C-alpha atoms as a PDB file:
ATOM      1  CA  MET A   1       0.771  13.035  14.128  1.00  0.00           C
ATOM      2  CA  SER A   2      -2.148  11.648  12.122  1.00  0.00           C
ATOM      3  CA  ASP A   3      -5.988  11.027  12.971  1.00  0.00           C
ATOM      4  CA  ILE A   4      -6.140   8.437  10.095  1.00  0.00           C
ATOM      5  CA  ARG A   5      -6.001   4.778  11.630  1.00  0.00           C
ATOM      6  CA  VAL A   6      -4.016   2.706   9.341  1.00  0.00           C
ATOM      7  CA  LEU A   7      -5.709  -0.420   8.218  1.00  0.00           C
ATOM      8  CA  LYS A   8      -3.069  -2.134   5.747  1.00  0.00           C
ATOM      9  CA  ILE A   9       0.408  -1.810   4.790  1.00  0.00           C
ATOM     10  CA  ALA A  10       0.913  -3.001   1.152  1.00  0.00           C
ATOM     11  CA  THR A  11       4.045  -3.138  -1.272  1.00  0.00           C
ATOM     12  CA  CYS A  12       3.493  -3.011  -5.281  1.00  0.00           C
ATOM     13  CA  LYS A  13       5.961  -2.104  -8.190  1.00  0.00           C
ATOM     14  CA  SER A  14       5.356   1.169 -10.027  1.00  0.00           C
ATOM     15  CA  LEU A  15       3.658   1.563 -13.137  1.00  0.00           C
ATOM     16  CA  SER A  16       7.267   1.496 -14.555  1.00  0.00           C
ATOM     17  CA  GLY A  17       8.235  -1.592 -12.898  1.00  0.00           C
ATOM     18  CA  SER A  18      11.558   0.049 -11.890  1.00  0.00           C
ATOM     19  CA  SER A  19      10.702   0.573  -8.239  1.00  0.00           C
ATOM     20  CA  ASP A  20       9.040  -0.855  -5.080  1.00  0.00           C
ATOM     21  CA  LEU A  21       6.477   1.536  -3.377  1.00  0.00           C
ATOM     22  CA  THR A  22       4.893   0.842  -0.120  1.00  0.00           C
ATOM     23  CA  TYR A  23       1.564   2.506   0.374  1.00  0.00           C
ATOM     24  CA  HIS A  24      -1.083   2.561   3.562  1.00  0.00           C
ATOM     25  CA  LEU A  25      -4.555   2.435   3.555  1.00  0.00           C
ATOM     26  CA  GLY A  26      -6.198   3.970   6.311  1.00  0.00           C
ATOM     27  CA  CYS A  27      -9.677   5.557   7.773  1.00  0.00           C
ATOM     28  CA  ASP A  28     -10.509   8.777   9.472  1.00  0.00           C
ATOM     29  CA  ALA A  29     -13.039   9.082  12.601  1.00  0.00           C
ATOM     30  CA  GLU A  30     -15.733   8.905  10.357  1.00  0.00           C
ATOM     31  CA  HIS A  31     -14.846   5.633   8.655  1.00  0.00           C
ATOM     32  CA  ASN A  32     -13.642   7.685   5.356  1.00  0.00           C
ATOM     33  CA  LEU A  33     -11.090   5.472   3.450  1.00  0.00           C
ATOM     34  CA  GLN A  34      -7.615   7.452   2.845  1.00  0.00           C
ATOM     35  CA  ILE A  35      -4.423   6.254   1.031  1.00  0.00           C
ATOM     36  CA  ARG A  36      -0.837   7.624   1.164  1.00  0.00           C
ATOM     37  CA  LEU A  37       2.293   6.700  -0.514  1.00  0.00           C
ATOM     38  CA  TRP A  38       5.145   5.846   2.181  1.00  0.00           C
ATOM     39  CA  SER A  39       8.088   4.978   0.086  1.00  0.00           C
ATOM     40  CA  ASN A  40       9.669   4.402  -3.314  1.00  0.00           C
ATOM     41  CA  SER A  41      12.967   1.738  -3.526  1.00  0.00           C
ATOM     42  CA  ALA A  42      14.186   3.744  -6.026  1.00  0.00           C
ATOM     43  CA  GLY A  43      13.946   7.683  -4.464  1.00  0.00           C
ATOM     44  CA  GLY A  44      11.272   9.242  -6.675  1.00  0.00           C
ATOM     45  CA  LEU A  45       9.568  12.202  -5.136  1.00  0.00           C
ATOM     46  CA  HIS A  46       6.250  11.716  -3.621  1.00  0.00           C
ATOM     47  CA  SER A  47       3.888  13.240  -0.823  1.00  0.00           C
ATOM     48  CA  LYS A  48       3.301  11.197   2.230  1.00  0.00           C
ATOM     49  CA  HIS A  49      -0.263  13.140   2.641  1.00  0.00           C
ATOM     50  CA  TRP A  50      -3.287  10.944   3.160  1.00  0.00           C
ATOM     51  CA  PHE A  51      -5.705  11.148  -0.093  1.00  0.00           C
ATOM     52  CA  SER A  52      -9.345  10.629   0.175  1.00  0.00           C
ATOM     53  CA  LEU A  53     -10.075   6.915  -1.293  1.00  0.00           C
ATOM     54  CA  ALA A  54     -13.540   8.333  -2.354  1.00  0.00           C
ATOM     55  CA  GLY A  55     -12.235  11.351  -4.571  1.00  0.00           C
ATOM     56  CA  ILE A  56      -9.929   8.731  -5.979  1.00  0.00           C
ATOM     57  CA  LEU A  57     -12.983   6.557  -6.926  1.00  0.00           C
ATOM     58  CA  ALA A  58     -15.128   9.714  -8.141  1.00  0.00           C
ATOM     59  CA  LYS A  59     -12.259   9.906 -10.546  1.00  0.00           C
ATOM     60  CA  LEU A  60     -12.122   6.468 -12.161  1.00  0.00           C
ATOM     61  CA  THR A  61     -15.929   6.936 -13.072  1.00  0.00           C
ATOM     62  CA  ASP A  62     -14.703   8.641 -16.323  1.00  0.00           C
ATOM     63  CA  ASP A  63     -15.642   7.199 -19.440  1.00  0.00           C
ATOM     64  CA  LYS A  64     -12.184   7.860 -20.555  1.00  0.00           C
ATOM     65  CA  PRO A  65      -9.018   5.771 -19.889  1.00  0.00           C
ATOM     66  CA  ILE A  66      -7.461   6.536 -16.257  1.00  0.00           C
ATOM     67  CA  THR A  67      -3.828   7.680 -16.512  1.00  0.00           C
ATOM     68  CA  SER A  68      -1.652   9.339 -13.682  1.00  0.00           C
ATOM     69  CA  GLY A  69      -2.569  12.712 -15.134  1.00  0.00           C
ATOM     70  CA  THR A  70      -6.623  11.711 -14.300  1.00  0.00           C
ATOM     71  CA  LEU A  71      -5.388  11.437 -10.278  1.00  0.00           C
ATOM     72  CA  ARG A  72      -3.440  14.884 -10.180  1.00  0.00           C
ATOM     73  CA  PRO A  73      -6.433  17.060  -8.852  1.00  0.00           C
ATOM     74  CA  VAL A  74      -7.124  14.420  -6.122  1.00  0.00           C
ATOM     75  CA  CYS A  75      -3.787  13.725  -5.631  1.00  0.00           C
ATOM     76  CA  PRO A  76      -1.981  16.922  -5.164  1.00  0.00           C
ATOM     77  CA  GLY A  77       1.616  17.618  -4.412  1.00  0.00           C
ATOM     78  CA  SER A  78       4.507  15.554  -6.407  1.00  0.00           C
ATOM     79  CA  ARG A  79       3.626  15.105 -10.353  1.00  0.00           C
ATOM     80  CA  ASN A  80       4.617  11.403  -9.284  1.00  0.00           C
ATOM     81  CA  ASN A  81       1.625  10.991  -6.451  1.00  0.00           C
ATOM     82  CA  GLY A  82      -0.766  10.352  -9.449  1.00  0.00           C
ATOM     83  CA  GLY A  83       0.804   7.428 -10.914  1.00  0.00           C
ATOM     84  CA  PHE A  84       2.121   6.109  -7.771  1.00  0.00           C
ATOM     85  CA  ILE A  85      -1.303   6.050  -6.426  1.00  0.00           C
ATOM     86  CA  LEU A  86      -2.480   4.339  -9.993  1.00  0.00           C
ATOM     87  CA  ALA A  87       0.452   1.735  -9.437  1.00  0.00           C
ATOM     88  CA  ALA A  88      -1.173   1.177  -5.861  1.00  0.00           C
ATOM     89  CA  LEU A  89      -4.631   0.877  -7.061  1.00  0.00           C
ATOM     90  CA  GLN A  90      -3.836  -1.601  -9.400  1.00  0.00           C
ATOM     91  CA  GLN A  91      -2.123  -3.800  -6.852  1.00  0.00           C
ATOM     92  CA  GLU A  92      -5.884  -3.525  -4.776  1.00  0.00           C
ATOM     93  CA  GLY A  93      -7.403  -4.769  -7.972  1.00  0.00           C
ATOM     94  CA  LEU A  94      -9.495  -1.419  -8.073  1.00  0.00           C
ATOM     95  CA  VAL A  95      -7.775  -0.809 -11.963  1.00  0.00           C
ATOM     96  CA  LYS A  96      -6.344  -3.025 -14.431  1.00  0.00           C
ATOM     97  CA  PRO A  97      -4.426  -1.767 -17.752  1.00  0.00           C
ATOM     98  CA  ILE A  98      -6.208  -1.499 -21.057  1.00  0.00           C
ATOM     99  CA  PRO A  99      -4.421  -4.192 -23.494  1.00  0.00           C
ATOM    100  CA  ASP A 100      -4.567  -1.798 -26.154  1.00  0.00           C
ATOM    101  CA  LEU A 101      -3.729   1.212 -24.768  1.00  0.00           C
ATOM    102  CA  PRO A 102      -0.005   1.428 -23.065  1.00  0.00           C
ATOM    103  CA  HIS A 103      -0.916   3.868 -20.363  1.00  0.00           C
ATOM    104  CA  GLY A 104      -4.313   3.575 -19.960  1.00  0.00           C
ATOM    105  CA  MET A 105      -6.085   1.829 -17.115  1.00  0.00           C
ATOM    106  CA  MET A 106      -9.908   1.272 -16.720  1.00  0.00           C
ATOM    107  CA  ALA A 107     -11.770   0.830 -13.132  1.00  0.00           C
ATOM    108  CA  VAL A 108     -12.797  -2.516 -11.903  1.00  0.00           C
ATOM    109  CA  ALA A 109     -15.734  -3.165 -10.035  1.00  0.00           C
ATOM    110  CA  SER A 110     -14.732  -1.974  -6.094  1.00  0.00           C
ATOM    111  CA  SER A 111     -17.351  -3.746  -4.082  1.00  0.00           C
ATOM    112  CA  ALA A 112     -14.823  -6.569  -2.698  1.00  0.00           C
ATOM    113  CA  TYR A 113     -12.233  -4.132  -1.845  1.00  0.00           C
ATOM    114  CA  LEU A 114     -14.804  -1.825  -0.118  1.00  0.00           C
ATOM    115  CA  ALA A 115     -16.093  -5.041   1.914  1.00  0.00           C
ATOM    116  CA  GLU A 116     -12.445  -5.863   2.798  1.00  0.00           C
ATOM    117  CA  MET A 117     -11.891  -2.322   3.857  1.00  0.00           C
ATOM    118  CA  THR A 118     -15.015  -2.602   5.775  1.00  0.00           C
ATOM    119  CA  LYS A 119     -14.003  -5.927   7.560  1.00  0.00           C
ATOM    120  CA  LEU A 120     -10.887  -4.201   9.001  1.00  0.00           C
ATOM    121  CA  ILE A 121     -12.392  -1.029  10.107  1.00  0.00           C
ATOM    122  CA  GLN A 122     -15.157  -3.175  12.193  1.00  0.00           C
ATOM    123  CA  GLN A 123     -12.383  -5.320  13.457  1.00  0.00           C
ATOM    124  CA  GLY A 124     -10.557  -2.372  14.850  1.00  0.00           C
ATOM    125  CA  VAL A 125      -7.282  -3.026  13.040  1.00  0.00           C
ATOM    126  CA  ALA A 126      -4.925  -0.021  13.703  1.00  0.00           C
ATOM    127  CA  ILE A 127      -1.123  -0.527  12.788  1.00  0.00           C
ATOM    128  CA  THR A 128       0.974   1.825  14.309  1.00  0.00           C
ATOM    129  CA  ILE A 129       3.503   3.338  11.949  1.00  0.00           C
ATOM    130  CA  PRO A 130       6.911   5.027  13.740  1.00  0.00           C
ATOM    131  CA  GLU A 131       7.002   8.418  11.891  1.00  0.00           C
ATOM    132  CA  PRO A 132       9.899   8.791   9.586  1.00  0.00           C
ATOM    133  CA  VAL A 133      13.216  10.358  10.417  1.00  0.00           C
ATOM    134  CA  ASN A 134      13.864  13.472   8.557  1.00  0.00           C
ATOM    135  CA  GLN A 135      16.747  12.889   6.690  1.00  0.00           C
ATOM    136  CA  ARG A 136      17.918  16.670   6.913  1.00  0.00           C
ATOM    137  CA  SER A 137      18.358  16.794  10.532  1.00  0.00           C
ATOM    138  CA  VAL A 138      20.447  13.858  10.848  1.00  0.00           C
ATOM    139  CA  PRO A 139      23.880  14.995  10.885  1.00  0.00           C
ATOM    140  CA  LEU A 140      26.446  13.608   8.720  1.00  0.00           C
ATOM    141  CA  THR A 141      29.038  10.821   9.805  1.00  0.00           C
ATOM    142  CA  LYS A 142      32.610  11.482   9.568  1.00  0.00           C
ATOM    143  CA  ARG A 143      32.848   9.202   6.526  1.00  0.00           C
ATOM    144  CA  SER A 144      30.143  11.048   4.806  1.00  0.00           C
ATOM    145  CA  ALA A 145      31.262  14.272   5.364  1.00  0.00           C
ATOM    146  CA  SER A 146      34.735  13.737   4.137  1.00  0.00           C
ATOM    147  CA  LYS A 147      33.145  12.267   0.725  1.00  0.00           C
ATOM    148  CA  ARG A 148      31.487  15.517   0.214  1.00  0.00           C
ATOM    149  CA  GLY A 149      34.597  17.054   0.060  1.00  0.00           C
ATOM    150  CA  LYS A 150      34.128  18.887   3.807  1.00  0.00           C
ATOM    151  CA  PRO A 151      36.834  18.147   6.119  1.00  0.00           C
ATOM    152  CA  ALA A 152      36.060  15.174   8.446  1.00  0.00           C
END
């Protein structure tokens, strides 16, 4: 059970455009904003842990182009986390591509975004998310077992 209140569920394309990502935006009891990756249509691994949005936004203030590697220290776990979170930040309007740099992003002013999140917090938005099924605990059906070469 998470102590993070989900404020918004959204989807976006991965940076490569090859998959659809679903992510959640939320806040903790002190109203600190959080983000987590929820699903990837292409099955690329990612962590479903909440990451501090303040920590992520702090990384965006560097004078260097922002890449997936920029976010790895604040989005630990899977190596995909940084790129997937960067795609979500682009969807939220917090970063945008640098035209002459294929893999570089630049920060965009976040005041409108933060105002939107503050409004959701003040309205008491709390979206209920069913916990995901642990796929390893789901037994194989007879049909899928026989496909894997095991007796049905």
